[in-house]
């Protein structure tokens, strides 16, 4: 089973129950976060790797003040390690 410590789509850390996405029956989905997966489906089923990388990098820039170049470097590395983008 994939690493349950991070979302297997966006690599967001999963540490609290509220972080988890939901299955079709509304039970917690331990593989994906609430931003990527709701009610058993991806919230953005057609998002590309590059689009996801942009989203992840922008969150790091805005929320954690990571410099842009470093944010993209981290986003690319992290996303290549999760199951949705392997």
N, C-alpha and C. Protein backbone atom coordinates (compact mmCIF):
# COMPACT_ATOMS: atom_id res chain seq x y z
N UNK A 1 0.85 -1.19 0.00
CA UNK A 1 0.00 0.00 0.00
C UNK A 1 0.89 1.25 0.00
N UNK A 2 0.43 2.32 -0.65
CA UNK A 2 1.23 3.56 -0.71
C UNK A 2 1.47 4.16 0.67
N UNK A 3 2.40 5.07 0.71
CA UNK A 3 2.72 5.78 1.94
C UNK A 3 1.50 6.56 2.41
N UNK A 4 0.96 6.18 3.55
CA UNK A 4 -0.24 6.83 4.07
C UNK A 4 0.05 8.15 4.77
N UNK A 5 1.29 8.57 4.77
CA UNK A 5 1.62 9.83 5.41
C UNK A 5 1.48 11.02 4.48
N UNK A 6 1.25 10.78 3.19
CA UNK A 6 1.05 11.88 2.26
C UNK A 6 0.09 11.48 1.15
N UNK A 7 -0.58 12.48 0.63
CA UNK A 7 -1.53 12.26 -0.46
C UNK A 7 -0.79 11.69 -1.66
N UNK A 8 -1.36 10.66 -2.25
CA UNK A 8 -0.75 10.00 -3.39
C UNK A 8 -1.10 10.68 -4.72
N UNK A 9 -1.59 11.92 -4.62
CA UNK A 9 -1.84 12.75 -5.79
C UNK A 9 -1.04 14.05 -5.73
N UNK A 10 -1.13 14.77 -4.59
CA UNK A 10 -0.46 16.07 -4.49
C UNK A 10 0.69 16.09 -3.49
N UNK A 11 0.85 15.01 -2.74
CA UNK A 11 1.92 14.86 -1.76
C UNK A 11 1.71 15.67 -0.48
N UNK A 12 0.49 16.18 -0.26
CA UNK A 12 0.19 16.90 0.97
C UNK A 12 0.32 15.95 2.16
N UNK A 13 0.95 16.40 3.25
CA UNK A 13 1.02 15.55 4.44
C UNK A 13 -0.38 15.21 4.96
N UNK A 14 -0.59 13.96 5.33
CA UNK A 14 -1.86 13.51 5.88
C UNK A 14 -1.63 13.13 7.33
N UNK A 15 -2.04 14.01 8.23
CA UNK A 15 -1.79 13.74 9.65
C UNK A 15 -3.05 13.78 10.51
N UNK A 16 -4.08 14.45 10.02
CA UNK A 16 -5.33 14.57 10.79
C UNK A 16 -6.47 13.95 9.97
N UNK A 17 -7.51 13.50 10.65
CA UNK A 17 -8.66 12.91 9.96
C UNK A 17 -9.25 13.86 8.93
N UNK A 18 -9.25 15.16 9.23
CA UNK A 18 -9.84 16.14 8.31
C UNK A 18 -9.04 16.29 7.02
N UNK A 19 -7.80 15.80 7.01
CA UNK A 19 -6.95 15.90 5.82
C UNK A 19 -7.37 14.91 4.72
N UNK A 20 -7.97 13.79 5.11
CA UNK A 20 -8.26 12.71 4.17
C UNK A 20 -9.43 13.03 3.25
N UNK A 21 -9.32 12.53 2.02
CA UNK A 21 -10.43 12.59 1.09
C UNK A 21 -11.50 11.58 1.51
N UNK A 22 -12.54 11.47 0.71
CA UNK A 22 -13.62 10.54 1.05
C UNK A 22 -13.90 9.58 -0.09
N UNK A 23 -14.31 8.37 0.30
CA UNK A 23 -14.75 7.37 -0.67
C UNK A 23 -16.20 7.65 -1.04
N UNK A 24 -16.72 6.87 -1.99
CA UNK A 24 -18.10 7.06 -2.44
C UNK A 24 -19.10 6.95 -1.29
N UNK A 25 -18.80 6.11 -0.30
CA UNK A 25 -19.71 5.94 0.85
C UNK A 25 -19.44 6.96 1.96
N UNK A 26 -18.61 7.95 1.66
CA UNK A 26 -18.24 9.03 2.58
C UNK A 26 -17.27 8.61 3.68
N UNK A 27 -16.76 7.38 3.62
CA UNK A 27 -15.73 6.96 4.57
C UNK A 27 -14.41 7.61 4.18
N UNK A 28 -13.49 7.75 5.13
CA UNK A 28 -12.20 8.38 4.80
C UNK A 28 -11.41 7.55 3.80
N UNK A 29 -10.77 8.23 2.88
CA UNK A 29 -9.87 7.58 1.94
C UNK A 29 -8.46 7.87 2.41
N UNK A 30 -7.73 6.85 2.81
CA UNK A 30 -6.41 7.01 3.42
C UNK A 30 -5.30 7.21 2.40
N UNK A 31 -5.63 7.21 1.11
CA UNK A 31 -4.62 7.37 0.07
C UNK A 31 -4.53 8.80 -0.47
N UNK A 32 -5.65 9.52 -0.44
CA UNK A 32 -5.71 10.86 -1.04
C UNK A 32 -6.26 11.89 -0.06
N UNK A 33 -5.86 13.15 -0.27
CA UNK A 33 -6.33 14.24 0.58
C UNK A 33 -7.71 14.75 0.14
N UNK A 34 -8.27 15.59 0.98
CA UNK A 34 -9.61 16.15 0.73
C UNK A 34 -9.63 17.10 -0.47
N UNK A 35 -8.49 17.65 -0.83
CA UNK A 35 -8.44 18.55 -1.97
C UNK A 35 -8.41 17.80 -3.30
N UNK A 36 -7.88 16.59 -3.28
CA UNK A 36 -7.71 15.80 -4.50
C UNK A 36 -8.81 14.77 -4.74
N UNK A 37 -9.47 14.32 -3.66
CA UNK A 37 -10.37 13.17 -3.79
C UNK A 37 -11.58 13.34 -2.89
N UNK A 38 -12.78 13.37 -3.50
CA UNK A 38 -14.02 13.52 -2.74
C UNK A 38 -15.08 12.61 -3.31
N UNK A 39 -15.78 11.93 -2.42
CA UNK A 39 -16.89 11.04 -2.79
C UNK A 39 -16.47 10.00 -3.82
N UNK A 40 -15.23 9.51 -3.67
CA UNK A 40 -14.76 8.40 -4.49
C UNK A 40 -14.19 8.77 -5.85
N UNK A 41 -14.03 10.06 -6.11
CA UNK A 41 -13.48 10.48 -7.41
C UNK A 41 -12.49 11.63 -7.22
N UNK A 42 -11.58 11.76 -8.17
CA UNK A 42 -10.65 12.88 -8.14
C UNK A 42 -11.41 14.18 -8.37
N UNK A 43 -11.05 15.21 -7.66
CA UNK A 43 -11.70 16.51 -7.83
C UNK A 43 -11.29 17.14 -9.17
N UNK A 44 -10.11 16.80 -9.65
CA UNK A 44 -9.64 17.27 -10.96
C UNK A 44 -9.10 16.07 -11.73
N UNK A 45 -10.00 15.27 -12.30
CA UNK A 45 -9.56 14.02 -12.95
C UNK A 45 -8.66 14.22 -14.16
N UNK A 46 -8.72 15.37 -14.78
CA UNK A 46 -7.94 15.59 -16.00
C UNK A 46 -6.72 16.48 -15.80
N UNK A 47 -6.37 16.76 -14.54
CA UNK A 47 -5.22 17.61 -14.29
C UNK A 47 -3.94 16.90 -14.76
N UNK A 48 -3.06 17.65 -15.36
CA UNK A 48 -1.80 17.07 -15.84
C UNK A 48 -0.75 17.16 -14.72
N UNK A 49 0.33 16.44 -14.91
CA UNK A 49 1.45 16.50 -13.97
C UNK A 49 1.95 17.94 -13.81
N UNK A 50 2.15 18.63 -14.93
CA UNK A 50 2.65 20.00 -14.87
C UNK A 50 1.68 20.94 -14.16
N UNK A 51 0.38 20.75 -14.38
CA UNK A 51 -0.62 21.57 -13.69
C UNK A 51 -0.60 21.31 -12.19
N UNK A 52 -0.46 20.03 -11.82
CA UNK A 52 -0.39 19.70 -10.40
C UNK A 52 0.89 20.27 -9.80
N UNK A 53 1.97 20.20 -10.53
CA UNK A 53 3.23 20.76 -10.04
C UNK A 53 3.09 22.26 -9.79
N UNK A 54 2.42 22.97 -10.69
CA UNK A 54 2.16 24.40 -10.49
C UNK A 54 1.36 24.64 -9.21
N UNK A 55 0.30 23.86 -9.02
CA UNK A 55 -0.54 24.03 -7.83
C UNK A 55 0.26 23.81 -6.56
N UNK A 56 1.02 22.72 -6.52
CA UNK A 56 1.79 22.38 -5.33
C UNK A 56 2.85 23.45 -5.06
N UNK A 57 3.55 23.87 -6.11
CA UNK A 57 4.60 24.89 -5.95
C UNK A 57 3.99 26.20 -5.43
N UNK A 58 2.84 26.59 -5.98
CA UNK A 58 2.21 27.84 -5.55
C UNK A 58 1.76 27.78 -4.09
N UNK A 59 1.33 26.63 -3.63
CA UNK A 59 0.96 26.48 -2.22
C UNK A 59 2.20 26.67 -1.35
N UNK A 60 3.30 26.04 -1.75
CA UNK A 60 4.54 26.19 -0.97
C UNK A 60 5.01 27.64 -0.95
N UNK A 61 4.90 28.32 -2.06
CA UNK A 61 5.31 29.73 -2.15
C UNK A 61 4.44 30.59 -1.25
N UNK A 62 3.13 30.39 -1.32
CA UNK A 62 2.19 31.23 -0.58
C UNK A 62 2.12 30.89 0.91
N UNK A 63 2.09 29.62 1.25
CA UNK A 63 1.85 29.22 2.64
C UNK A 63 3.12 29.04 3.46
N UNK A 64 4.22 28.69 2.81
CA UNK A 64 5.44 28.37 3.56
C UNK A 64 6.60 29.27 3.16
N UNK A 65 6.33 30.21 2.24
CA UNK A 65 7.34 31.18 1.79
C UNK A 65 8.60 30.52 1.22
N UNK A 66 8.39 29.41 0.50
CA UNK A 66 9.52 28.77 -0.18
C UNK A 66 9.81 29.58 -1.45
N UNK A 67 11.06 29.88 -1.74
CA UNK A 67 11.39 30.60 -2.98
C UNK A 67 10.89 29.81 -4.21
N UNK A 68 10.46 30.54 -5.24
CA UNK A 68 9.81 29.91 -6.40
C UNK A 68 10.62 28.77 -7.01
N UNK A 69 11.88 29.01 -7.30
CA UNK A 69 12.70 27.97 -7.94
C UNK A 69 12.77 26.72 -7.07
N UNK A 70 12.97 26.89 -5.79
CA UNK A 70 13.05 25.77 -4.85
C UNK A 70 11.70 25.07 -4.74
N UNK A 71 10.61 25.83 -4.75
CA UNK A 71 9.27 25.24 -4.66
C UNK A 71 9.01 24.32 -5.84
N UNK A 72 9.38 24.73 -7.04
CA UNK A 72 9.19 23.87 -8.22
C UNK A 72 10.07 22.63 -8.16
N UNK A 73 11.28 22.80 -7.65
CA UNK A 73 12.19 21.66 -7.51
C UNK A 73 11.61 20.63 -6.54
N UNK A 74 11.13 21.10 -5.39
CA UNK A 74 10.53 20.22 -4.39
C UNK A 74 9.26 19.57 -4.94
N UNK A 75 8.41 20.36 -5.59
CA UNK A 75 7.15 19.83 -6.14
C UNK A 75 7.42 18.71 -7.13
N UNK A 76 8.36 18.91 -8.04
CA UNK A 76 8.68 17.88 -9.03
C UNK A 76 9.17 16.61 -8.35
N UNK A 77 10.08 16.76 -7.40
CA UNK A 77 10.62 15.60 -6.69
C UNK A 77 9.52 14.86 -5.92
N UNK A 78 8.71 15.59 -5.17
CA UNK A 78 7.64 14.97 -4.38
C UNK A 78 6.62 14.25 -5.26
N UNK A 79 6.19 14.91 -6.33
CA UNK A 79 5.14 14.32 -7.16
C UNK A 79 5.60 13.07 -7.89
N UNK A 80 6.87 12.97 -8.21
CA UNK A 80 7.35 11.75 -8.88
C UNK A 80 7.40 10.56 -7.93
N UNK A 81 7.21 10.81 -6.63
CA UNK A 81 7.24 9.74 -5.63
C UNK A 81 5.87 9.22 -5.24
N UNK A 82 4.79 9.83 -5.73
CA UNK A 82 3.44 9.39 -5.34
C UNK A 82 2.81 8.58 -6.47
N UNK A 83 1.88 7.71 -6.09
CA UNK A 83 1.36 6.72 -7.05
C UNK A 83 0.63 7.32 -8.26
N UNK A 84 -0.03 8.44 -8.10
CA UNK A 84 -0.79 8.99 -9.24
C UNK A 84 0.13 9.41 -10.39
N UNK A 85 1.36 9.77 -10.11
CA UNK A 85 2.25 10.31 -11.13
C UNK A 85 3.43 9.41 -11.47
N UNK A 86 3.46 8.21 -10.94
CA UNK A 86 4.57 7.28 -11.25
C UNK A 86 4.40 6.70 -12.62
